Amino acid sequence: FIIFYIYAAIGSMFFASVNEELWGDIAISMLTLFRIMTFEDWTDVMYETMVDYPFSWVFYVTFIFLSAFAFLNMIIGIVVNVLDEQHRKERQEEGEPTLRELQSELRELKDLVRQSSRPRTPQE
């Protein structure tokens, strides 16, 4: 969202004079940027602004790289999260001990070690 907002502000500031319908205000600019991010005739928008601003291609290319990077990270995060949940479910189905069970067993083992290592009295 921050990437969209920053680029929408810059786009509406520079390109509103070129095409008021696409860059008139920040909300419309964000819609235009969504169009660019989805590659829906983005070159038409770019070529239109390049008439007045020849280096405006830098704006479009950097936006596409940044939004693609953010979108890719989001997708990877979702996939990793789903895989992690699936792995947890499989561990629970297989009957692997939980952390609480392991802690309980560890306490029991410590108690047994303490009992066996203490010196024995002749009455025992």
N, C-alpha and C. Protein backbone atom coordinates (compact mmCIF):
# COMPACT_ATOMS: atom_id res chain seq x y z
N PHE A 1 0.83 -1.19 0.00
CA PHE A 1 0.00 0.00 0.00
C PHE A 1 0.87 1.26 0.00
N ILE A 2 1.95 1.21 0.76
CA ILE A 2 2.83 2.38 0.82
C ILE A 2 3.46 2.65 -0.55
N ILE A 3 3.87 1.59 -1.21
CA ILE A 3 4.44 1.74 -2.56
C ILE A 3 3.40 2.37 -3.48
N PHE A 4 2.16 1.85 -3.42
CA PHE A 4 1.10 2.39 -4.26
C PHE A 4 0.87 3.87 -3.94
N TYR A 5 0.81 4.20 -2.67
CA TYR A 5 0.50 5.57 -2.28
C TYR A 5 1.60 6.53 -2.74
N ILE A 6 2.83 6.17 -2.53
CA ILE A 6 3.95 7.04 -2.92
C ILE A 6 3.96 7.25 -4.43
N TYR A 7 3.83 6.15 -5.17
CA TYR A 7 3.85 6.27 -6.62
C TYR A 7 2.60 7.00 -7.14
N ALA A 8 1.46 6.82 -6.47
CA ALA A 8 0.25 7.53 -6.88
C ALA A 8 0.42 9.03 -6.66
N ALA A 9 1.02 9.41 -5.55
CA ALA A 9 1.26 10.83 -5.29
C ALA A 9 2.20 11.43 -6.33
N ILE A 10 3.27 10.72 -6.62
CA ILE A 10 4.22 11.20 -7.62
C ILE A 10 3.56 11.26 -8.99
N GLY A 11 2.82 10.20 -9.34
CA GLY A 11 2.16 10.17 -10.64
C GLY A 11 1.13 11.27 -10.81
N SER A 12 0.33 11.50 -9.77
CA SER A 12 -0.67 12.56 -9.89
C SER A 12 -0.02 13.94 -9.93
N MET A 13 1.11 14.08 -9.27
CA MET A 13 1.81 15.36 -9.27
C MET A 13 2.40 15.68 -10.65
N PHE A 14 3.02 14.69 -11.28
CA PHE A 14 3.70 14.94 -12.55
C PHE A 14 2.80 14.72 -13.76
N PHE A 15 1.98 13.69 -13.73
CA PHE A 15 1.28 13.27 -14.95
C PHE A 15 -0.16 13.73 -15.05
N ALA A 16 -0.68 14.47 -14.07
CA ALA A 16 -2.07 14.94 -14.14
C ALA A 16 -2.26 15.87 -15.33
N SER A 17 -1.23 16.63 -15.67
CA SER A 17 -1.34 17.54 -16.81
C SER A 17 -1.37 16.78 -18.14
N VAL A 18 -0.86 15.56 -18.15
CA VAL A 18 -0.84 14.76 -19.37
C VAL A 18 -2.21 14.11 -19.60
N ASN A 19 -2.75 13.46 -18.56
CA ASN A 19 -4.04 12.79 -18.69
C ASN A 19 -4.76 12.87 -17.35
N GLU A 20 -5.74 13.76 -17.27
CA GLU A 20 -6.48 13.97 -16.03
C GLU A 20 -7.30 12.74 -15.65
N GLU A 21 -7.75 11.95 -16.62
CA GLU A 21 -8.57 10.77 -16.34
C GLU A 21 -7.77 9.67 -15.64
N LEU A 22 -6.49 9.56 -15.94
CA LEU A 22 -5.66 8.51 -15.35
C LEU A 22 -4.89 8.97 -14.12
N TRP A 23 -4.56 10.25 -14.05
CA TRP A 23 -3.68 10.73 -12.99
C TRP A 23 -4.26 11.94 -12.25
N GLY A 24 -5.57 12.16 -12.32
CA GLY A 24 -6.21 13.35 -11.77
C GLY A 24 -6.02 13.54 -10.28
N ASP A 25 -6.18 12.53 -9.50
CA ASP A 25 -5.94 12.61 -8.06
C ASP A 25 -5.32 11.29 -7.59
N ILE A 26 -5.04 11.21 -6.31
CA ILE A 26 -4.32 10.04 -5.79
C ILE A 26 -5.15 8.77 -5.93
N ALA A 27 -6.46 8.86 -5.69
CA ALA A 27 -7.31 7.66 -5.79
C ALA A 27 -7.33 7.12 -7.21
N ILE A 28 -7.50 7.99 -8.19
CA ILE A 28 -7.50 7.56 -9.59
C ILE A 28 -6.11 7.08 -9.99
N SER A 29 -5.09 7.73 -9.47
CA SER A 29 -3.71 7.32 -9.76
C SER A 29 -3.45 5.91 -9.23
N MET A 30 -3.99 5.60 -8.05
CA MET A 30 -3.81 4.26 -7.50
C MET A 30 -4.50 3.22 -8.38
N LEU A 31 -5.65 3.56 -8.91
CA LEU A 31 -6.34 2.66 -9.83
C LEU A 31 -5.52 2.47 -11.11
N THR A 32 -4.93 3.55 -11.59
CA THR A 32 -4.06 3.46 -12.77
C THR A 32 -2.84 2.59 -12.47
N LEU A 33 -2.29 2.75 -11.28
CA LEU A 33 -1.13 1.93 -10.90
C LEU A 33 -1.51 0.46 -10.78
N PHE A 34 -2.72 0.17 -10.31
CA PHE A 34 -3.16 -1.22 -10.28
C PHE A 34 -3.24 -1.77 -11.70
N ARG A 35 -3.72 -0.96 -12.60
CA ARG A 35 -3.76 -1.34 -14.02
C ARG A 35 -2.35 -1.63 -14.53
N ILE A 36 -1.40 -0.80 -14.13
CA ILE A 36 -0.02 -0.99 -14.56
C ILE A 36 0.56 -2.25 -13.93
N MET A 37 0.28 -2.47 -12.65
CA MET A 37 0.81 -3.64 -11.96
C MET A 37 0.31 -4.94 -12.58
N THR A 38 -0.92 -4.94 -13.08
CA THR A 38 -1.49 -6.14 -13.70
C THR A 38 -1.17 -6.22 -15.19
N PHE A 39 -0.35 -5.28 -15.67
CA PHE A 39 0.09 -5.23 -17.07
C PHE A 39 -1.06 -5.04 -18.05
N GLU A 40 -2.11 -4.37 -17.64
CA GLU A 40 -3.26 -4.09 -18.50
C GLU A 40 -2.98 -2.81 -19.29
N ASP A 41 -2.48 -2.95 -20.52
CA ASP A 41 -2.16 -1.82 -21.41
C ASP A 41 -1.28 -0.77 -20.73
N TRP A 42 -0.36 -1.21 -19.92
CA TRP A 42 0.49 -0.27 -19.21
C TRP A 42 1.42 0.49 -20.15
N THR A 43 1.77 -0.12 -21.26
CA THR A 43 2.65 0.58 -22.21
C THR A 43 1.95 1.77 -22.84
N ASP A 44 0.62 1.66 -23.05
CA ASP A 44 -0.12 2.80 -23.59
C ASP A 44 -0.04 3.99 -22.63
N VAL A 45 -0.20 3.72 -21.34
CA VAL A 45 -0.12 4.77 -20.33
C VAL A 45 1.28 5.35 -20.31
N MET A 46 2.28 4.49 -20.38
CA MET A 46 3.67 4.95 -20.34
C MET A 46 4.00 5.80 -21.56
N TYR A 47 3.64 5.33 -22.75
CA TYR A 47 3.98 6.09 -23.96
C TYR A 47 3.28 7.44 -23.99
N GLU A 48 2.09 7.53 -23.41
CA GLU A 48 1.38 8.80 -23.35
C GLU A 48 2.13 9.82 -22.49
N THR A 49 2.68 9.37 -21.37
CA THR A 49 3.42 10.31 -20.52
C THR A 49 4.83 10.56 -21.03
N MET A 50 5.36 9.64 -21.80
CA MET A 50 6.71 9.84 -22.33
C MET A 50 6.78 10.96 -23.36
N VAL A 51 5.64 11.36 -23.91
CA VAL A 51 5.63 12.48 -24.84
C VAL A 51 6.08 13.76 -24.13
N ASP A 52 5.54 14.00 -22.92
CA ASP A 52 5.91 15.19 -22.16
C ASP A 52 7.10 14.96 -21.23
N TYR A 53 7.23 13.74 -20.73
CA TYR A 53 8.31 13.40 -19.80
C TYR A 53 9.07 12.19 -20.35
N PRO A 54 10.11 12.43 -21.14
CA PRO A 54 10.82 11.32 -21.81
C PRO A 54 11.39 10.27 -20.87
N PHE A 55 11.75 10.65 -19.65
CA PHE A 55 12.31 9.68 -18.72
C PHE A 55 11.28 9.09 -17.77
N SER A 56 10.00 9.23 -18.10
CA SER A 56 8.96 8.68 -17.24
C SER A 56 8.97 7.15 -17.23
N TRP A 57 9.65 6.55 -18.17
CA TRP A 57 9.74 5.09 -18.18
C TRP A 57 10.39 4.58 -16.90
N VAL A 58 11.28 5.40 -16.29
CA VAL A 58 11.92 5.01 -15.04
C VAL A 58 10.87 4.85 -13.95
N PHE A 59 9.88 5.75 -13.92
CA PHE A 59 8.77 5.68 -12.97
C PHE A 59 8.04 4.34 -13.11
N TYR A 60 7.70 3.98 -14.33
CA TYR A 60 6.93 2.77 -14.57
C TYR A 60 7.73 1.50 -14.28
N VAL A 61 8.95 1.46 -14.72
CA VAL A 61 9.78 0.27 -14.53
C VAL A 61 10.07 0.04 -13.05
N THR A 62 10.42 1.10 -12.34
CA THR A 62 10.68 0.92 -10.90
C THR A 62 9.42 0.51 -10.16
N PHE A 63 8.28 1.08 -10.54
CA PHE A 63 7.03 0.68 -9.89
C PHE A 63 6.74 -0.80 -10.14
N ILE A 64 6.92 -1.25 -11.37
CA ILE A 64 6.66 -2.66 -11.69
C ILE A 64 7.60 -3.56 -10.91
N PHE A 65 8.88 -3.20 -10.83
CA PHE A 65 9.82 -4.03 -10.07
C PHE A 65 9.46 -4.08 -8.59
N LEU A 66 9.16 -2.93 -8.01
CA LEU A 66 8.84 -2.91 -6.58
C LEU A 66 7.53 -3.61 -6.27
N SER A 67 6.52 -3.40 -7.09
CA SER A 67 5.24 -4.05 -6.82
C SER A 67 5.32 -5.55 -7.08
N ALA A 68 6.07 -5.95 -8.09
CA ALA A 68 6.25 -7.38 -8.35
C ALA A 68 7.02 -8.03 -7.20
N PHE A 69 8.02 -7.34 -6.67
CA PHE A 69 8.80 -7.85 -5.55
C PHE A 69 7.91 -8.01 -4.31
N ALA A 70 7.10 -6.99 -4.02
CA ALA A 70 6.21 -7.05 -2.86
C ALA A 70 5.17 -8.14 -3.04
N PHE A 71 4.61 -8.25 -4.22
CA PHE A 71 3.60 -9.28 -4.49
C PHE A 71 4.21 -10.66 -4.39
N LEU A 72 5.40 -10.83 -4.92
CA LEU A 72 6.08 -12.12 -4.85
C LEU A 72 6.37 -12.51 -3.41
N ASN A 73 6.82 -11.55 -2.60
CA ASN A 73 7.06 -11.84 -1.18
C ASN A 73 5.78 -12.24 -0.47
N MET A 74 4.68 -11.59 -0.81
CA MET A 74 3.41 -11.92 -0.20
C MET A 74 3.00 -13.35 -0.56
N ILE A 75 3.14 -13.72 -1.81
CA ILE A 75 2.78 -15.07 -2.25
C ILE A 75 3.68 -16.10 -1.58
N ILE A 76 4.97 -15.83 -1.51
CA ILE A 76 5.89 -16.76 -0.85
C ILE A 76 5.53 -16.91 0.62
N GLY A 77 5.19 -15.81 1.27
CA GLY A 77 4.77 -15.87 2.67
C GLY A 77 3.53 -16.73 2.87
N ILE A 78 2.58 -16.61 1.98
CA ILE A 78 1.36 -17.41 2.07
C ILE A 78 1.68 -18.89 1.88
N VAL A 79 2.51 -19.19 0.88
CA VAL A 79 2.87 -20.59 0.61
C VAL A 79 3.61 -21.19 1.80
N VAL A 80 4.56 -20.46 2.35
CA VAL A 80 5.32 -20.96 3.50
C VAL A 80 4.40 -21.18 4.69
N ASN A 81 3.47 -20.27 4.91
CA ASN A 81 2.52 -20.40 6.02
C ASN A 81 1.64 -21.64 5.85
N VAL A 82 1.15 -21.86 4.65
CA VAL A 82 0.31 -23.04 4.39
C VAL A 82 1.12 -24.33 4.57
N LEU A 83 2.34 -24.35 4.08
CA LEU A 83 3.18 -25.53 4.25
C LEU A 83 3.49 -25.79 5.71
N ASP A 84 3.73 -24.74 6.49
CA ASP A 84 3.99 -24.89 7.92
C ASP A 84 2.77 -25.46 8.64
N GLU A 85 1.60 -24.96 8.33
CA GLU A 85 0.37 -25.49 8.94
C GLU A 85 0.16 -26.95 8.58
N GLN A 86 0.42 -27.30 7.34
CA GLN A 86 0.27 -28.68 6.90
C GLN A 86 1.26 -29.58 7.63
N HIS A 87 2.48 -29.11 7.80
CA HIS A 87 3.50 -29.89 8.51
C HIS A 87 3.10 -30.11 9.96
N ARG A 88 2.54 -29.08 10.60
CA ARG A 88 2.06 -29.23 11.98
C ARG A 88 0.95 -30.27 12.08
N LYS A 89 0.02 -30.22 11.14
CA LYS A 89 -1.08 -31.19 11.15
C LYS A 89 -0.55 -32.61 10.98
N GLU A 90 0.42 -32.78 10.10
CA GLU A 90 0.99 -34.11 9.88
C GLU A 90 1.70 -34.61 11.13
N ARG A 91 2.42 -33.71 11.81
CA ARG A 91 3.10 -34.11 13.05
C ARG A 91 2.10 -34.53 14.12
N GLN A 92 1.00 -33.81 14.22
CA GLN A 92 -0.01 -34.15 15.22
C GLN A 92 -0.68 -35.48 14.88
N GLU A 93 -0.91 -35.74 13.60
CA GLU A 93 -1.53 -37.00 13.18
C GLU A 93 -0.59 -38.18 13.43
N GLU A 94 0.70 -37.95 13.27
CA GLU A 94 1.67 -39.02 13.48
C GLU A 94 1.90 -39.29 14.96
N GLY A 95 1.42 -38.45 15.80
CA GLY A 95 1.56 -38.66 17.23
C GLY A 95 2.87 -38.19 17.79
N GLU A 96 3.54 -37.28 17.14
CA GLU A 96 4.77 -36.73 17.70
C GLU A 96 4.43 -35.97 18.97
N PRO A 97 5.29 -36.04 19.96
CA PRO A 97 4.99 -35.36 21.22
C PRO A 97 4.99 -33.84 21.04
N THR A 98 4.16 -33.19 21.82
CA THR A 98 4.13 -31.74 21.80
C THR A 98 5.22 -31.21 22.73
N LEU A 99 5.41 -29.94 22.71
CA LEU A 99 6.43 -29.33 23.55
C LEU A 99 6.11 -29.54 25.03
N ARG A 100 4.87 -29.43 25.41
CA ARG A 100 4.48 -29.64 26.81
C ARG A 100 4.76 -31.08 27.24
N GLU A 101 4.47 -32.04 26.39
CA GLU A 101 4.74 -33.43 26.72
C GLU A 101 6.24 -33.67 26.90
N LEU A 102 7.04 -33.08 26.02
CA LEU A 102 8.49 -33.23 26.14
C LEU A 102 9.02 -32.59 27.42
N GLN A 103 8.48 -31.43 27.77
CA GLN A 103 8.90 -30.78 29.01
C GLN A 103 8.52 -31.62 30.22
N SER A 104 7.35 -32.22 30.20
CA SER A 104 6.92 -33.08 31.30
C SER A 104 7.84 -34.30 31.44
N GLU A 105 8.15 -34.94 30.34
CA GLU A 105 9.05 -36.09 30.37
C GLU A 105 10.43 -35.69 30.86
N LEU A 106 10.89 -34.52 30.47
CA LEU A 106 12.20 -34.05 30.90
C LEU A 106 12.22 -33.83 32.42
N ARG A 107 11.15 -33.28 32.98
CA ARG A 107 11.07 -33.12 34.43
C ARG A 107 11.12 -34.47 35.13
N GLU A 108 10.38 -35.43 34.61
CA GLU A 108 10.37 -36.77 35.21
C GLU A 108 11.76 -37.39 35.18
N LEU A 109 12.47 -37.24 34.06
CA LEU A 109 13.83 -37.77 33.96
C LEU A 109 14.77 -37.08 34.94
N LYS A 110 14.63 -35.78 35.09
CA LYS A 110 15.47 -35.06 36.05
C LYS A 110 15.21 -35.56 37.47
N ASP A 111 13.94 -35.77 37.81
CA ASP A 111 13.61 -36.30 39.14
C ASP A 111 14.22 -37.67 39.36
N LEU A 112 14.16 -38.53 38.35
CA LEU A 112 14.75 -39.87 38.46
C LEU A 112 16.26 -39.80 38.64
N VAL A 113 16.92 -38.91 37.91
CA VAL A 113 18.37 -38.76 38.03
C VAL A 113 18.73 -38.25 39.41
N ARG A 114 17.99 -37.30 39.92
CA ARG A 114 18.24 -36.78 41.27
C ARG A 114 18.09 -37.88 42.31
N GLN A 115 17.05 -38.67 42.18
CA GLN A 115 16.80 -39.75 43.15
C GLN A 115 17.90 -40.80 43.09
N SER A 116 18.36 -41.10 41.91
CA SER A 116 19.37 -42.15 41.79
C SER A 116 20.76 -41.64 42.17
N SER A 117 21.01 -40.35 42.10
CA SER A 117 22.35 -39.83 42.39
C SER A 117 22.52 -39.41 43.84
N ARG A 118 21.48 -39.33 44.61
CA ARG A 118 21.64 -38.94 46.01
C ARG A 118 22.21 -40.11 46.81
N PRO A 119 22.97 -39.82 47.83
CA PRO A 119 23.58 -40.90 48.62
C PRO A 119 22.49 -41.67 49.38
N ARG A 120 22.68 -42.95 49.43
CA ARG A 120 21.71 -43.82 50.10
C ARG A 120 22.11 -44.02 51.56
N THR A 121 21.13 -44.05 52.38
CA THR A 121 21.37 -44.29 53.81
C THR A 121 21.30 -45.80 54.06
N PRO A 122 21.86 -46.28 55.17
CA PRO A 122 21.85 -47.72 55.42
C PRO A 122 20.43 -48.29 55.56
N GLN A 123 19.45 -47.48 55.93
CA GLN A 123 18.09 -48.01 56.06
C GLN A 123 17.49 -48.32 54.70
N GLU A 124 17.99 -47.73 53.65
CA GLU A 124 17.39 -47.95 52.32
C GLU A 124 17.86 -49.23 51.78
